[in-house]
């Protein structure tokens, strides 16, 4: 982005409602990023809007600094190398989002462990499919597998607290999972990240 800087917004019609917009912009040079940041703030003010200062920042994100990372929309982005040694943009579930999802599932198990097993497992299947649909991007299979493993352990733990006696041993619980067909982790979005990486 040399020579000129353009920050354009739709100016026609009336704004019905204001909602937050999140985006990541990549620049080759620091001065271009600084210029864009200033121009964006000025442009937003013309429409009575402003940047969220606590959520807006400029960071160095370079291929040769693999320890550099940032979080965006529930994902952690960092540089990695593929099998041929070429750099590409790696994505995985942000650690904070993973912990939050597991905490919410734990609370759900506490409140719903006494449902009929068919109802309970149907809802668990829906939760897992929803999680895979959002976080199932190329390169994040490990994150999906980690979530699935923790969900299985939590489910086993809380199903065994339905009564004073242990309801299932580990073998019986696996037979139960097979019967109700809990969906295994799977990648649902295969996006070519190398195209993105070449622009950064």
N, C-alpha and C. Protein backbone atom coordinates (compact mmCIF):
# COMPACT_ATOMS: atom_id res chain seq x y z
N UNK A 1 0.85 -1.19 0.00
CA UNK A 1 0.00 0.00 0.00
C UNK A 1 0.89 1.23 0.00
N UNK A 2 1.47 1.55 -1.12
CA UNK A 2 2.35 2.70 -1.24
C UNK A 2 1.59 3.88 -1.87
N UNK A 3 2.19 5.05 -1.74
CA UNK A 3 1.73 6.30 -2.36
C UNK A 3 0.43 6.84 -1.77
N UNK A 4 -0.66 6.11 -1.84
CA UNK A 4 -1.94 6.66 -1.41
C UNK A 4 -2.56 5.82 -0.31
N UNK A 5 -3.40 6.45 0.48
CA UNK A 5 -4.10 5.76 1.56
C UNK A 5 -5.59 6.02 1.42
N UNK A 6 -6.36 4.96 1.31
CA UNK A 6 -7.81 5.10 1.16
C UNK A 6 -8.51 4.35 2.28
N UNK A 7 -9.39 5.04 2.98
CA UNK A 7 -10.26 4.40 3.96
C UNK A 7 -11.68 4.78 3.57
N UNK A 8 -12.44 3.82 3.06
CA UNK A 8 -13.76 4.12 2.52
C UNK A 8 -14.85 3.40 3.30
N UNK A 9 -15.96 4.08 3.49
CA UNK A 9 -17.14 3.51 4.12
C UNK A 9 -18.34 3.82 3.26
N UNK A 10 -19.38 3.03 3.41
CA UNK A 10 -20.62 3.31 2.70
C UNK A 10 -21.27 4.55 3.31
N UNK A 11 -21.55 5.56 2.48
CA UNK A 11 -22.09 6.81 3.00
C UNK A 11 -23.56 7.00 2.66
N UNK A 12 -24.14 6.10 1.89
CA UNK A 12 -25.53 6.26 1.49
C UNK A 12 -26.49 5.68 2.50
N UNK A 13 -27.73 6.18 2.53
CA UNK A 13 -28.76 5.64 3.40
C UNK A 13 -28.57 6.03 4.85
N UNK A 14 -29.49 5.55 5.65
CA UNK A 14 -29.44 5.86 7.07
C UNK A 14 -28.94 4.64 7.84
N UNK A 15 -28.23 4.92 8.90
CA UNK A 15 -27.73 3.84 9.74
C UNK A 15 -28.85 3.38 10.66
N UNK A 16 -29.26 2.13 10.53
CA UNK A 16 -30.36 1.61 11.34
C UNK A 16 -29.90 1.24 12.74
N UNK A 17 -28.72 0.63 12.82
CA UNK A 17 -28.19 0.24 14.12
C UNK A 17 -26.68 0.19 14.04
N UNK A 18 -26.05 0.48 15.13
CA UNK A 18 -24.60 0.47 15.19
C UNK A 18 -24.14 -0.85 15.78
N UNK A 19 -23.23 -1.52 15.12
CA UNK A 19 -22.69 -2.77 15.64
C UNK A 19 -21.18 -2.77 15.48
N UNK A 20 -20.52 -3.53 16.33
CA UNK A 20 -19.07 -3.58 16.30
C UNK A 20 -18.60 -4.34 15.07
N UNK A 21 -17.55 -3.85 14.47
CA UNK A 21 -16.90 -4.52 13.35
C UNK A 21 -15.47 -4.83 13.73
N UNK A 22 -15.07 -6.08 13.49
CA UNK A 22 -13.71 -6.49 13.82
C UNK A 22 -12.98 -6.82 12.53
N UNK A 23 -11.77 -6.34 12.40
CA UNK A 23 -10.98 -6.67 11.24
C UNK A 23 -9.50 -6.64 11.56
N UNK A 24 -8.74 -7.35 10.74
CA UNK A 24 -7.29 -7.35 10.85
C UNK A 24 -6.74 -6.84 9.53
N UNK A 25 -5.85 -5.87 9.57
CA UNK A 25 -5.22 -5.33 8.36
C UNK A 25 -3.72 -5.60 8.44
N UNK A 26 -3.14 -6.01 7.33
CA UNK A 26 -1.71 -6.33 7.31
C UNK A 26 -0.98 -5.35 6.40
N UNK A 27 0.20 -4.93 6.84
CA UNK A 27 1.00 -3.98 6.09
C UNK A 27 2.45 -4.44 6.09
N UNK A 28 3.15 -4.10 5.02
CA UNK A 28 4.55 -4.49 4.93
C UNK A 28 5.44 -3.57 5.75
N UNK A 29 5.05 -2.29 5.84
CA UNK A 29 5.89 -1.31 6.55
C UNK A 29 5.14 -0.70 7.73
N UNK A 30 5.88 -0.43 8.80
CA UNK A 30 5.28 0.12 10.02
C UNK A 30 4.64 1.48 9.76
N UNK A 31 5.30 2.33 8.95
CA UNK A 31 4.74 3.66 8.72
C UNK A 31 3.39 3.59 8.02
N UNK A 32 3.19 2.59 7.18
CA UNK A 32 1.90 2.44 6.53
C UNK A 32 0.81 2.05 7.53
N UNK A 33 1.19 1.19 8.47
CA UNK A 33 0.24 0.80 9.51
C UNK A 33 -0.14 2.00 10.37
N UNK A 34 0.84 2.83 10.72
CA UNK A 34 0.57 4.03 11.52
C UNK A 34 -0.35 4.99 10.78
N UNK A 35 -0.09 5.18 9.48
CA UNK A 35 -0.91 6.09 8.68
C UNK A 35 -2.34 5.58 8.58
N UNK A 36 -2.50 4.29 8.37
CA UNK A 36 -3.84 3.70 8.28
C UNK A 36 -4.58 3.85 9.60
N UNK A 37 -3.88 3.62 10.71
CA UNK A 37 -4.50 3.72 12.03
C UNK A 37 -5.02 5.13 12.27
N UNK A 38 -4.23 6.14 11.92
CA UNK A 38 -4.67 7.53 12.10
C UNK A 38 -5.84 7.86 11.19
N UNK A 39 -5.75 7.44 9.92
CA UNK A 39 -6.81 7.74 8.96
C UNK A 39 -8.11 7.04 9.33
N UNK A 40 -8.01 5.84 9.84
CA UNK A 40 -9.20 5.09 10.23
C UNK A 40 -9.93 5.80 11.38
N UNK A 41 -9.16 6.25 12.38
CA UNK A 41 -9.78 6.96 13.50
C UNK A 41 -10.48 8.23 13.06
N UNK A 42 -9.83 8.99 12.18
CA UNK A 42 -10.41 10.24 11.69
C UNK A 42 -11.68 9.96 10.87
N UNK A 43 -11.63 8.92 10.06
CA UNK A 43 -12.79 8.59 9.22
C UNK A 43 -13.98 8.15 10.07
N UNK A 44 -13.73 7.38 11.10
CA UNK A 44 -14.82 6.93 11.96
C UNK A 44 -15.46 8.10 12.69
N UNK A 45 -14.64 9.05 13.12
CA UNK A 45 -15.19 10.20 13.85
C UNK A 45 -16.16 11.02 12.99
N UNK A 46 -15.98 11.01 11.68
CA UNK A 46 -16.89 11.75 10.80
C UNK A 46 -18.30 11.17 10.85
N UNK A 47 -18.40 9.89 11.25
CA UNK A 47 -19.70 9.22 11.33
C UNK A 47 -20.16 9.07 12.77
N UNK A 48 -19.50 9.77 13.68
CA UNK A 48 -19.88 9.68 15.09
C UNK A 48 -19.47 8.37 15.74
N UNK A 49 -18.49 7.70 15.17
CA UNK A 49 -18.00 6.43 15.71
C UNK A 49 -16.58 6.59 16.22
N UNK A 50 -16.13 5.62 16.95
CA UNK A 50 -14.75 5.67 17.43
C UNK A 50 -14.19 4.27 17.59
N UNK A 51 -12.87 4.18 17.55
CA UNK A 51 -12.20 2.91 17.76
C UNK A 51 -12.22 2.53 19.23
N UNK A 52 -12.34 1.26 19.50
CA UNK A 52 -12.22 0.78 20.88
C UNK A 52 -10.72 0.71 21.20
N UNK A 53 -10.24 1.69 21.94
CA UNK A 53 -8.80 1.81 22.18
C UNK A 53 -8.22 0.57 22.86
N UNK A 54 -9.01 -0.06 23.76
CA UNK A 54 -8.50 -1.21 24.48
C UNK A 54 -8.44 -2.47 23.62
N UNK A 55 -9.07 -2.42 22.44
CA UNK A 55 -9.09 -3.60 21.57
C UNK A 55 -8.40 -3.35 20.24
N UNK A 56 -7.81 -2.18 20.07
CA UNK A 56 -7.17 -1.82 18.81
C UNK A 56 -5.69 -1.58 19.05
N UNK A 57 -4.86 -2.24 18.26
CA UNK A 57 -3.42 -2.08 18.45
C UNK A 57 -2.68 -2.45 17.18
N UNK A 58 -1.44 -1.99 17.12
CA UNK A 58 -0.53 -2.35 16.04
C UNK A 58 0.53 -3.27 16.62
N UNK A 59 0.70 -4.42 15.99
CA UNK A 59 1.71 -5.36 16.48
C UNK A 59 2.62 -5.77 15.33
N UNK A 60 3.86 -6.12 15.68
CA UNK A 60 4.79 -6.68 14.69
C UNK A 60 4.49 -8.17 14.57
N UNK A 61 4.22 -8.60 13.35
CA UNK A 61 3.87 -10.00 13.13
C UNK A 61 4.68 -10.49 11.93
N UNK A 62 5.90 -10.92 12.21
CA UNK A 62 6.85 -11.23 11.16
C UNK A 62 7.15 -12.72 11.09
N UNK A 63 7.41 -13.19 9.89
CA UNK A 63 7.64 -14.62 9.68
C UNK A 63 8.80 -15.17 10.50
N UNK A 64 9.88 -14.36 10.62
CA UNK A 64 11.07 -14.87 11.32
C UNK A 64 10.95 -14.78 12.83
N UNK A 65 9.82 -14.25 13.33
CA UNK A 65 9.60 -14.18 14.78
C UNK A 65 8.43 -15.09 15.11
N UNK A 66 8.70 -16.39 15.18
CA UNK A 66 7.63 -17.37 15.34
C UNK A 66 6.94 -17.28 16.69
N UNK A 67 7.56 -16.62 17.68
CA UNK A 67 6.93 -16.51 18.98
C UNK A 67 5.84 -15.45 19.01
N UNK A 68 5.79 -14.61 17.98
CA UNK A 68 4.78 -13.57 17.92
C UNK A 68 3.42 -14.17 17.59
N UNK A 69 2.40 -13.75 18.30
CA UNK A 69 1.05 -14.26 18.04
C UNK A 69 0.03 -13.19 18.43
N UNK A 70 -1.19 -13.37 17.93
CA UNK A 70 -2.29 -12.51 18.36
C UNK A 70 -3.57 -13.31 18.31
N UNK A 71 -4.58 -12.85 19.06
CA UNK A 71 -5.88 -13.52 19.10
C UNK A 71 -6.90 -12.69 18.35
N UNK A 72 -7.77 -13.39 17.63
CA UNK A 72 -8.80 -12.71 16.85
C UNK A 72 -9.98 -13.65 16.67
N UNK A 73 -11.16 -13.23 17.13
CA UNK A 73 -12.41 -13.98 16.99
C UNK A 73 -12.30 -15.41 17.50
N UNK A 74 -11.62 -15.57 18.63
CA UNK A 74 -11.55 -16.89 19.26
C UNK A 74 -10.39 -17.74 18.81
N UNK A 75 -9.58 -17.25 17.87
CA UNK A 75 -8.44 -18.01 17.37
C UNK A 75 -7.13 -17.33 17.76
N UNK A 76 -6.11 -18.14 17.93
CA UNK A 76 -4.75 -17.63 18.10
C UNK A 76 -4.02 -17.81 16.78
N UNK A 77 -3.42 -16.74 16.27
CA UNK A 77 -2.69 -16.77 15.01
C UNK A 77 -1.20 -16.67 15.30
N UNK A 78 -0.42 -17.51 14.65
CA UNK A 78 1.03 -17.42 14.76
C UNK A 78 1.65 -18.02 13.50
N UNK A 79 2.92 -17.69 13.26
CA UNK A 79 3.61 -18.22 12.09
C UNK A 79 4.11 -19.62 12.37
N UNK A 80 4.05 -20.45 11.35
CA UNK A 80 4.61 -21.79 11.42
C UNK A 80 5.22 -22.15 10.08
N UNK A 81 5.73 -23.35 9.96
CA UNK A 81 6.27 -23.83 8.69
C UNK A 81 5.61 -25.16 8.35
N UNK A 82 5.37 -25.36 7.05
CA UNK A 82 4.77 -26.62 6.62
C UNK A 82 5.85 -27.69 6.43
N UNK A 83 5.46 -28.83 5.90
CA UNK A 83 6.41 -29.94 5.76
C UNK A 83 7.56 -29.63 4.82
N UNK A 84 7.32 -28.73 3.89
CA UNK A 84 8.39 -28.36 2.96
C UNK A 84 9.23 -27.20 3.47
N UNK A 85 8.91 -26.70 4.69
CA UNK A 85 9.69 -25.62 5.28
C UNK A 85 9.22 -24.23 4.91
N UNK A 86 8.11 -24.12 4.19
CA UNK A 86 7.59 -22.81 3.82
C UNK A 86 6.73 -22.23 4.93
N UNK A 87 6.83 -20.91 5.16
CA UNK A 87 6.03 -20.31 6.24
C UNK A 87 4.55 -20.25 5.89
N UNK A 88 3.73 -20.45 6.88
CA UNK A 88 2.28 -20.29 6.70
C UNK A 88 1.66 -19.85 8.02
N UNK A 89 0.45 -19.36 7.94
CA UNK A 89 -0.25 -18.82 9.09
C UNK A 89 -0.99 -19.93 9.81
N UNK A 90 -0.58 -20.22 11.04
CA UNK A 90 -1.21 -21.28 11.82
C UNK A 90 -2.33 -20.69 12.67
N UNK A 91 -3.42 -21.45 12.80
CA UNK A 91 -4.53 -21.02 13.65
C UNK A 91 -4.89 -22.15 14.60
N UNK A 92 -5.15 -21.78 15.82
CA UNK A 92 -5.66 -22.75 16.78
C UNK A 92 -6.63 -22.04 17.71
N UNK A 93 -7.44 -22.81 18.40
CA UNK A 93 -8.38 -22.22 19.36
C UNK A 93 -7.61 -21.46 20.42
N UNK A 94 -8.00 -20.23 20.68
CA UNK A 94 -7.35 -19.44 21.73
C UNK A 94 -7.54 -20.15 23.07
N UNK A 95 -6.48 -20.16 23.87
CA UNK A 95 -6.53 -20.88 25.15
C UNK A 95 -7.65 -20.36 26.04
N UNK A 96 -7.85 -19.04 26.05
CA UNK A 96 -8.90 -18.47 26.90
C UNK A 96 -10.28 -18.94 26.45
N UNK A 97 -10.49 -19.05 25.13
CA UNK A 97 -11.77 -19.51 24.61
C UNK A 97 -11.99 -20.99 24.91
N UNK A 98 -10.92 -21.78 24.83
CA UNK A 98 -11.04 -23.20 25.16
C UNK A 98 -11.44 -23.38 26.61
N UNK A 99 -10.76 -22.67 27.52
CA UNK A 99 -11.10 -22.76 28.95
C UNK A 99 -12.54 -22.31 29.20
N UNK A 100 -12.95 -21.25 28.54
CA UNK A 100 -14.31 -20.74 28.73
C UNK A 100 -15.35 -21.74 28.22
N UNK A 101 -15.09 -22.36 27.07
CA UNK A 101 -16.02 -23.35 26.52
C UNK A 101 -16.14 -24.55 27.45
N UNK A 102 -15.03 -25.00 28.01
CA UNK A 102 -15.05 -26.14 28.92
C UNK A 102 -15.76 -25.80 30.23
N UNK A 103 -15.57 -24.56 30.70
CA UNK A 103 -16.26 -24.13 31.93
C UNK A 103 -17.77 -24.10 31.70
N UNK A 104 -18.19 -23.62 30.53
CA UNK A 104 -19.62 -23.58 30.22
C UNK A 104 -20.19 -24.99 30.09
N UNK A 105 -19.42 -25.91 29.51
CA UNK A 105 -19.89 -27.28 29.38
C UNK A 105 -19.98 -27.96 30.75
N UNK A 106 -19.03 -27.67 31.62
CA UNK A 106 -19.08 -28.22 32.98
C UNK A 106 -20.34 -27.78 33.69
N UNK A 107 -20.67 -26.49 33.59
CA UNK A 107 -21.88 -25.97 34.22
C UNK A 107 -23.12 -26.61 33.62
N UNK A 108 -23.11 -26.79 32.30
CA UNK A 108 -24.25 -27.42 31.64
C UNK A 108 -24.43 -28.86 32.13
N UNK A 109 -23.33 -29.60 32.28
CA UNK A 109 -23.40 -30.98 32.77
C UNK A 109 -24.00 -31.03 34.18
N UNK A 110 -23.58 -30.11 35.03
CA UNK A 110 -24.12 -30.07 36.40
C UNK A 110 -25.63 -29.91 36.39
N UNK A 111 -26.11 -29.04 35.50
CA UNK A 111 -27.52 -28.70 35.50
C UNK A 111 -28.38 -29.71 34.73
N UNK A 112 -27.77 -30.49 33.84
CA UNK A 112 -28.56 -31.36 32.96
C UNK A 112 -28.21 -32.84 33.07
N UNK A 113 -27.42 -33.23 34.06
CA UNK A 113 -26.96 -34.62 34.14
C UNK A 113 -28.12 -35.60 34.38
N UNK A 114 -29.24 -35.13 34.90
CA UNK A 114 -30.35 -36.03 35.20
C UNK A 114 -31.36 -36.15 34.06
N UNK A 115 -31.05 -35.56 32.91
CA UNK A 115 -31.91 -35.75 31.75
C UNK A 115 -31.88 -37.22 31.31
N UNK A 116 -32.88 -37.64 30.56
CA UNK A 116 -32.82 -38.97 29.95
C UNK A 116 -31.60 -39.02 29.05
N UNK A 117 -30.94 -40.16 29.01
CA UNK A 117 -29.69 -40.26 28.27
C UNK A 117 -29.86 -39.90 26.80
N UNK A 118 -30.96 -40.27 26.19
CA UNK A 118 -31.17 -39.94 24.78
C UNK A 118 -31.23 -38.42 24.58
N UNK A 119 -31.90 -37.71 25.49
CA UNK A 119 -31.97 -36.25 25.40
C UNK A 119 -30.62 -35.62 25.66
N UNK A 120 -29.94 -36.10 26.68
CA UNK A 120 -28.65 -35.52 27.06
C UNK A 120 -27.64 -35.68 25.92
N UNK A 121 -27.54 -36.87 25.37
CA UNK A 121 -26.55 -37.10 24.32
C UNK A 121 -26.91 -36.38 23.03
N UNK A 122 -28.18 -36.20 22.75
CA UNK A 122 -28.57 -35.42 21.57
C UNK A 122 -28.09 -33.98 21.71
N UNK A 123 -28.22 -33.40 22.91
CA UNK A 123 -27.76 -32.04 23.13
C UNK A 123 -26.24 -31.95 23.07
N UNK A 124 -25.56 -32.97 23.58
CA UNK A 124 -24.09 -32.98 23.50
C UNK A 124 -23.65 -33.05 22.04
N UNK A 125 -24.33 -33.85 21.23
CA UNK A 125 -23.99 -33.93 19.81
C UNK A 125 -24.14 -32.57 19.13
N UNK A 126 -25.21 -31.86 19.48
CA UNK A 126 -25.43 -30.53 18.90
C UNK A 126 -24.31 -29.58 19.31
N UNK A 127 -23.91 -29.63 20.57
CA UNK A 127 -22.83 -28.76 21.06
C UNK A 127 -21.52 -29.06 20.36
N UNK A 128 -21.20 -30.33 20.19
CA UNK A 128 -19.95 -30.71 19.53
C UNK A 128 -19.95 -30.28 18.06
N UNK A 129 -21.06 -30.52 17.37
CA UNK A 129 -21.13 -30.12 15.96
C UNK A 129 -20.99 -28.61 15.81
N UNK A 130 -21.61 -27.85 16.70
CA UNK A 130 -21.48 -26.40 16.65
C UNK A 130 -20.05 -25.95 16.88
N UNK A 131 -19.37 -26.61 17.83
CA UNK A 131 -17.97 -26.27 18.12
C UNK A 131 -17.09 -26.59 16.91
N UNK A 132 -17.29 -27.74 16.29
CA UNK A 132 -16.49 -28.12 15.12
C UNK A 132 -16.76 -27.18 13.95
N UNK A 133 -18.02 -26.77 13.79
CA UNK A 133 -18.36 -25.89 12.68
C UNK A 133 -17.65 -24.54 12.80
N UNK A 134 -17.43 -24.07 14.03
CA UNK A 134 -16.76 -22.77 14.19
C UNK A 134 -15.24 -22.92 14.22
N UNK A 135 -14.75 -23.84 15.05
CA UNK A 135 -13.30 -23.95 15.24
C UNK A 135 -12.64 -24.98 14.32
N UNK A 136 -13.41 -25.63 13.46
CA UNK A 136 -12.85 -26.68 12.62
C UNK A 136 -12.16 -26.17 11.38
N UNK A 137 -11.14 -25.34 11.55
CA UNK A 137 -10.38 -24.81 10.42
C UNK A 137 -9.11 -25.62 10.24
N UNK A 138 -8.55 -25.57 9.04
CA UNK A 138 -7.32 -26.30 8.75
C UNK A 138 -6.23 -25.94 9.76
N UNK A 139 -5.56 -26.95 10.27
CA UNK A 139 -4.48 -26.72 11.22
C UNK A 139 -4.91 -26.73 12.67
N UNK A 140 -6.22 -26.82 12.94
CA UNK A 140 -6.71 -26.76 14.32
C UNK A 140 -7.28 -28.09 14.78
N UNK A 141 -6.89 -29.19 14.15
CA UNK A 141 -7.41 -30.48 14.56
C UNK A 141 -7.01 -30.79 16.01
N UNK A 142 -5.80 -30.40 16.38
CA UNK A 142 -5.35 -30.63 17.76
C UNK A 142 -6.24 -29.95 18.78
N UNK A 143 -6.69 -28.73 18.46
CA UNK A 143 -7.58 -28.01 19.36
C UNK A 143 -8.94 -28.68 19.48
N UNK A 144 -9.45 -29.19 18.36
CA UNK A 144 -10.73 -29.90 18.38
C UNK A 144 -10.61 -31.18 19.19
N UNK A 145 -9.50 -31.89 18.99
CA UNK A 145 -9.29 -33.16 19.70
C UNK A 145 -9.18 -32.93 21.20
N UNK A 146 -8.49 -31.84 21.57
CA UNK A 146 -8.36 -31.52 23.00
C UNK A 146 -9.73 -31.22 23.61
N UNK A 147 -10.55 -30.44 22.91
CA UNK A 147 -11.88 -30.12 23.41
C UNK A 147 -12.72 -31.38 23.54
N UNK A 148 -12.70 -32.22 22.53
CA UNK A 148 -13.48 -33.46 22.54
C UNK A 148 -13.06 -34.35 23.72
N UNK A 149 -11.75 -34.50 23.93
CA UNK A 149 -11.26 -35.33 25.02
C UNK A 149 -11.72 -34.83 26.38
N UNK A 150 -11.69 -33.51 26.57
CA UNK A 150 -12.13 -32.93 27.84
C UNK A 150 -13.63 -33.07 28.03
N UNK A 151 -14.39 -32.92 26.94
CA UNK A 151 -15.84 -33.07 27.01
C UNK A 151 -16.20 -34.50 27.43
N UNK A 152 -15.52 -35.49 26.87
CA UNK A 152 -15.78 -36.89 27.22
C UNK A 152 -15.50 -37.13 28.69
N UNK A 153 -14.39 -36.61 29.20
CA UNK A 153 -14.05 -36.79 30.62
C UNK A 153 -15.07 -36.13 31.53
N UNK A 154 -15.48 -34.92 31.15
CA UNK A 154 -16.48 -34.20 31.96
C UNK A 154 -17.82 -34.93 31.95
N UNK A 155 -18.20 -35.43 30.79
CA UNK A 155 -19.47 -36.15 30.68
C UNK A 155 -19.45 -37.41 31.54
N UNK A 156 -18.37 -38.14 31.49
CA UNK A 156 -18.22 -39.35 32.31
C UNK A 156 -18.29 -39.01 33.80
N UNK A 157 -17.60 -37.94 34.18
CA UNK A 157 -17.58 -37.51 35.57
C UNK A 157 -18.98 -37.18 36.08
N UNK A 158 -19.74 -36.37 35.32
CA UNK A 158 -21.02 -35.90 35.82
C UNK A 158 -22.13 -36.93 35.66
N UNK A 159 -22.00 -37.83 34.70
CA UNK A 159 -22.98 -38.92 34.62
C UNK A 159 -22.83 -39.87 35.80
N UNK A 160 -21.63 -40.01 36.31
CA UNK A 160 -21.40 -40.86 37.48
C UNK A 160 -21.82 -40.17 38.78
N UNK A 161 -22.29 -38.94 38.69
CA UNK A 161 -22.79 -38.24 39.87
C UNK A 161 -24.31 -38.10 39.82
N UNK A 162 -24.94 -38.86 38.98
CA UNK A 162 -26.41 -38.84 38.93
C UNK A 162 -27.01 -39.47 40.17
N UNK A 163 -26.26 -40.35 40.81
CA UNK A 163 -26.73 -41.00 42.03
C UNK A 163 -25.53 -41.26 42.93
N UNK A 164 -25.77 -41.85 44.08
CA UNK A 164 -24.69 -42.11 45.02
C UNK A 164 -23.78 -43.24 44.56
N UNK A 165 -24.29 -44.08 43.66
CA UNK A 165 -23.48 -45.17 43.15
C UNK A 165 -22.90 -44.80 41.79
N UNK A 166 -21.73 -45.34 41.51
CA UNK A 166 -21.08 -45.11 40.23
C UNK A 166 -21.92 -45.75 39.12
N UNK A 167 -22.36 -44.96 38.15
CA UNK A 167 -23.25 -45.46 37.12
C UNK A 167 -22.52 -46.22 36.01
N UNK A 168 -21.33 -45.77 35.66
CA UNK A 168 -20.62 -46.35 34.52
C UNK A 168 -19.14 -46.52 34.85
N UNK A 169 -18.58 -47.66 34.45
CA UNK A 169 -17.13 -47.74 34.42
C UNK A 169 -16.70 -47.22 33.05
N UNK A 170 -15.38 -47.14 32.84
CA UNK A 170 -14.89 -46.51 31.61
C UNK A 170 -15.31 -47.31 30.38
N UNK A 171 -15.27 -48.62 30.47
CA UNK A 171 -15.65 -49.47 29.34
C UNK A 171 -17.15 -49.31 29.01
N UNK A 172 -17.99 -49.31 30.03
CA UNK A 172 -19.42 -49.14 29.82
C UNK A 172 -19.74 -47.77 29.25
N UNK A 173 -19.00 -46.77 29.69
CA UNK A 173 -19.24 -45.42 29.18
C UNK A 173 -18.87 -45.33 27.69
N UNK A 174 -17.79 -45.99 27.28
CA UNK A 174 -17.42 -45.97 25.86
C UNK A 174 -18.47 -46.69 25.01
N UNK A 175 -19.06 -47.73 25.54
CA UNK A 175 -20.15 -48.39 24.81
C UNK A 175 -21.34 -47.46 24.66
N UNK A 176 -21.58 -46.67 25.70
CA UNK A 176 -22.68 -45.69 25.66
C UNK A 176 -22.41 -44.63 24.59
N UNK A 177 -21.16 -44.15 24.52
CA UNK A 177 -20.81 -43.16 23.51
C UNK A 177 -20.95 -43.72 22.11
N UNK A 178 -20.58 -44.99 21.95
CA UNK A 178 -20.71 -45.63 20.64
C UNK A 178 -22.19 -45.76 20.26
N UNK A 179 -23.01 -46.10 21.23
CA UNK A 179 -24.44 -46.25 20.96
C UNK A 179 -25.06 -44.93 20.53
N UNK A 180 -24.70 -43.84 21.22
CA UNK A 180 -25.31 -42.54 20.92
C UNK A 180 -24.52 -41.76 19.86
N UNK A 181 -23.42 -42.32 19.39
CA UNK A 181 -22.67 -41.78 18.26
C UNK A 181 -22.27 -40.31 18.44
N UNK A 182 -21.46 -40.06 19.45
CA UNK A 182 -20.91 -38.71 19.61
C UNK A 182 -20.01 -38.40 18.42
N UNK A 183 -20.18 -37.24 17.80
CA UNK A 183 -19.35 -36.91 16.63
C UNK A 183 -17.89 -36.70 17.02
N UNK A 184 -17.00 -37.30 16.27
CA UNK A 184 -15.57 -37.15 16.50
C UNK A 184 -15.09 -35.83 15.92
N UNK A 185 -13.94 -35.33 16.37
CA UNK A 185 -13.41 -34.07 15.83
C UNK A 185 -13.19 -34.16 14.33
N UNK A 186 -13.52 -33.09 13.63
CA UNK A 186 -13.29 -33.07 12.18
C UNK A 186 -13.13 -31.63 11.70
N UNK A 187 -12.34 -31.47 10.67
CA UNK A 187 -12.13 -30.16 10.07
C UNK A 187 -13.31 -29.88 9.14
N UNK A 188 -13.94 -28.74 9.31
CA UNK A 188 -15.10 -28.37 8.50
C UNK A 188 -14.79 -27.26 7.50
N UNK A 189 -13.68 -26.55 7.72
CA UNK A 189 -13.32 -25.44 6.82
C UNK A 189 -11.87 -25.62 6.39
N UNK A 190 -11.67 -25.79 5.11
CA UNK A 190 -10.32 -25.91 4.58
C UNK A 190 -10.03 -24.64 3.79
N UNK A 191 -9.34 -23.71 4.44
CA UNK A 191 -9.04 -22.42 3.82
C UNK A 191 -7.56 -22.36 3.52
N UNK A 192 -7.20 -21.86 2.36
CA UNK A 192 -5.79 -21.76 2.00
C UNK A 192 -5.15 -20.61 2.75
N UNK A 193 -4.47 -20.92 3.84
CA UNK A 193 -3.87 -19.86 4.65
C UNK A 193 -2.62 -19.29 4.01
N UNK A 194 -1.99 -20.04 3.06
CA UNK A 194 -0.77 -19.53 2.48
C UNK A 194 -1.00 -18.29 1.65
N UNK A 195 -2.21 -18.17 1.05
CA UNK A 195 -2.55 -16.97 0.30
C UNK A 195 -2.56 -15.76 1.23
N UNK A 196 -3.11 -15.94 2.43
CA UNK A 196 -3.11 -14.87 3.42
C UNK A 196 -1.70 -14.54 3.83
N UNK A 197 -0.91 -15.58 4.09
CA UNK A 197 0.44 -15.39 4.58
C UNK A 197 1.28 -14.61 3.60
N UNK A 198 1.05 -14.77 2.31
CA UNK A 198 1.86 -14.08 1.31
C UNK A 198 1.58 -12.58 1.29
N UNK A 199 0.45 -12.17 1.90
CA UNK A 199 0.10 -10.75 1.90
C UNK A 199 0.63 -10.03 3.13
N UNK A 200 1.06 -10.77 4.14
CA UNK A 200 1.48 -10.14 5.39
C UNK A 200 2.90 -9.65 5.27
